[in-house]
Structures are given as structure tokens and as C-alpha cells.
Amino acid sequence: MFVVRLIFFMMKTWISYLLIFLLVFVVAQDLNGQASVSFDSIRQQMKETIDVLPQDAQIRIIRIKVKGNKVTKDYIILREISFKEGSYISAAHLFDAIVKARQDVVNTQLFLEVNPVIQKLTEKELEIEFVVKERWYIFPSPHFKIVDRNVNQWIVEQNASLERVNYGLKFKWDNVSGRRDRLDFKYINGYNRQLILYYEQPFADKKLEKGFLFGVFYTSNRQTNFATDSNKQVFFPASNHQISDFVRSTFRAEAGITYRKGINHRHYLRFNFVNERISDSIPFIINRNTSKGFLPYFTDNKTKQSFGEVSYSYSYYDLDNIAYPTKGIAFNGHFLHRGMGFEGMNLWQLYGKLGKYVPLSKKTFLTFYSIGSVKLPFNQPTYNLTMMGYGDFYMQGLEYYVIDGVLAGMLRTSMAQELIRVNVPTFFIKNEKYKKIPFRLIGRVYGNIGGSHMPFFTTGMLNNRFLYTYGAGLDIISYYDFTARFDYSFNQLGEKGLFLHVRKDF
């Protein structure tokens, strides 16, 4: 009853007023497609059509067509479908094969909707068409984004300071050539100054397996996190009111190759060159605070460092919906060597995350999500010690803290139940794709365990100990991968609170 009361309390408060605002905000920040909910009726009709066939019938696929794709090449869609023209599928497995094919096309994140339509079906032959609705691919848009690790930290610890906001112009062009490539350009000012140019072409060869990427990134920071004290980030300058000149600059050039044979497996090999410089004041402050466990930012407390990086990533996805999975498994493994012979930098890191999603019924599912990382050798400068509390490596209920280290692991588990599914008319939008915006509300209860090992002296109360948190939450899901997570969490320090996240696990 506590969970039910908590969920409805959250629904009746400010959450309902933020729905449309958050959708617009996230669409402006990260536009990736998610299919709508209209497939349910088509799915049932298709199952009834297939069920009348003898289960042992061997059906030949005589034609696969696609419709509705004005930009995306036909062969980009067809490569995601595991069966081909000329293939044979038994009637007993045909329904599952079509549903899986649709799922894999949805997971390209190129379309708002993907609906399979059986045009001809006998005991011997099948002709099928996949009808898609493409999303917008070109987005020149203003950029406005907070720089802190999460919304709660910005509001509570930084008093929602506008000094800690980036603003500017970004241009994102997905599916540039219709081959699922992407081009990003950003010019950002404010808390940071950034200039970014990035291009990725995943299917550059005739077999649609090999690709390439390259990018140039330049960032100047007016404030930087250079140490940790009592599991809190320490910044220079210390106060938001002191932010003026730039105190850190980073240049990074990246090039890489990609390989994706089949549907589920993805490989990335990247090479980077990095040059970074920090203010002369930072080593001076570190030397004065060694009693607090402050470590050199770079080796030997230098103010500048150049190094090379080589990294290899492997990903495996077999999910019903990559934007918000409720069934399947996903894995991402990452190997990094930072240094490549440059003096003062030598890091070998292994990182992995695994998600397992288990449906219990049509609207109820379990989630198991784990992350682990190890860094060698253990003797590293602060630059290489960031661990828990950054990116997706956080425990719910400990959002206000960072837990540095060289060896860390975490497990998040949850049970979720779909509460509401509704299409909200927009009234003022005439475009057929957006006349109605689908929303799903999903309630959750969850628990987290984890820990991070730090081999050096630290004032942190959360390092080198077993950690646990728990709570209940509400997820709001809509178009364009929009997922807002509202968590009411409790931790072992006796603290509790409401936290907002818009970050996805994969």
C-alpha cells in the first residue's frame, strides 16, 4: 500500500504539470525515435491470420517490401530483418519471426512507427510489407543544458545557478545519406565553450557491415572539478560567483572503425589524441590540502598533459525496445588504454554493463542492471579515478555523491508495472505523425547494492564499504526516446528524497 500511495501522490503533484515541458525539453536535447503503441491491434489480427495455417507448413518468403521510407534506403531496413526473400519459415514460428523483425527495425531508432502488413499468405507462400513512419532527421536547434551530473544536484547543491548552464547552437542530422549515418555540429557557450564536429557512417561497404567515424572536439571550462572531499566534488573556482576566465581546456581528435555483422553484435575500435591544460592555481590548492586526501590531478601535479588512447567496445542487444526494454538482454563491454607511451599517463581499464529484462505478464516485468569496472595500475592521478556517480554508473538515492576508485561494481534491480497508456491529442499540430502523442506511465519498486574501492586515503564515508539503497518510482515514456524517471529513494545514511533522471541505461 505504501508504494501505491507514493506513486499516486507523485502523480498528483508537480509531475503532471511537467509532462509536456519535459517532452519538449528532451526532444530538443536528444532526438531519437521510439515507435508508438498502435501495433497492438495489428499484432492480434496478424496472429489470428497465421493461426489458421497447419503448424508444420513450410512457408516460402516470396517478397518483402517496405513502404513509407522517403529518406531511408530500402536495403538499410531489409538488413535488419533476419529472414530474406527465398527463406523458408514454418507456420509455427512465423508469427514470432515477423514480430522479431519488426522489433529489430524499431530498434534502428529511425522510425516513429513500424507495422508489418501481410499482403499474401498461403500454406506455401508469404508476401509481407513493412510500413514505416520516418521521424524528423534534421534538427538545427538552440542548445540549453545544465552541466551538473543530474537535475537534483543542480537545483539543491548549486541553487539552480544559471552560471552552470551551457547554451548555444547545435545541428544534428541523422540518416544523412539514408544509410543510418549521422552528422553532429555544436557551438556551445556559457559554463563551457565547446566546438564539436562529428560524423559516423556505420555501413560504408557493400555488405553493410563495416563503417567509420571521426570527430574533432574542443572544450574550454570556466570551472572544473579537480578533487573529491567527503564524496562531494570540489571545484575551482569554488564559488559560482567567481566564474569568469577559462581554467581548463581540452582538445581531442578521434577516428575509428565499426563492424556489425548481423543484427545483435556491434564492434567499435577508436583512436584518440588528447591535449589538456588546467589552471596553475589547481596544483597549488592540491598541495595545501593533502590532509584531505587531495591527489595530483595529473601525474607529478603537472598543469598540462598530452596522451593517446585506444579503445575497443563490444555491444550485444536483443531487446523488445532499445529505448525502454521490458524483455531481452543487453551487454556493453569496453576496454581502454590511455597513455600509449606518453610520459605521465598509463591507464588500462575494463568496463562492462549488463541488463536483463524479464516479463512476468503483459504489463509487469523485472529488471536486473549491473555495472563493473577495474582500473590498472591502482596508482593513478585524480584524472583517472572517477567512478560511481558519473554518467549511468550511479545508485538511486546517492545522486548527491561521487565515489571515486579503481575497482567498483553495482547491481540495480526493480519490478515494474504499467499503470496508464494514453494518447494525448496535440490539437495545434496538423502533422499526421504528431496529432496524438502517446504516453505510458510505469510504476516501479527497486533496490540497489554496490561499492567502490579506493586504495588511497580519503575523507569519503562511502568508499570501501558495502552500499545499499531502495525506493519506488514512476517512469513517463513517449516519442523520441523520451523517458523521465521520478525516483523516491532511501539510502543507508538515513537520507531520502525525490530524484529526476532523463538518462537511459543503454
Foldseek 3Di string as FASTA:
>chain_A
DVQVVVVVVVVPPCPVVCVVVLVVVVCQVFFFWAADDVQVVVLVVVVVVLVVADQAQKAAEQEEAEPADPQADGVLLVLQQPDDHGDIDGSNCVSVSVLLSQLLSRQLRFFHHWYKDWPDDDSYYTYIYIYTHGDDFKDWDKDKAFDDQAPCCCCPVVVVDQLRIKIFIKIKGACPRSQGKIWIFTAIDHQKGKTKTKIWRAQPDPVRFKIKIKMKMKMFGQKDFQWAFQQATQMVVRHSVPRDDTFKIKIKIKMWMKGDDGRFKIKIKMKMKMKMFGHPVVLVVQVVVVVQVAFQSFPVNDGIFIKMKIKMKMKGDDASHPLDGQADKIKMKMWMFIHPPGPRGTKTKIKMKMWHHADPDPFKIKIKIKIWMAMPPQDGTPNPFWAALHALRYDPPQNRGTETAGTKMKIKMKMKGWDDWDWAAPVVDPPPSVRTKIKIKMKMWMKMKMAHARPTDHNHPGHPDIWMKIFMWMWIAITRSFIKIWTFMATPVRDTDIGIDRHDPD
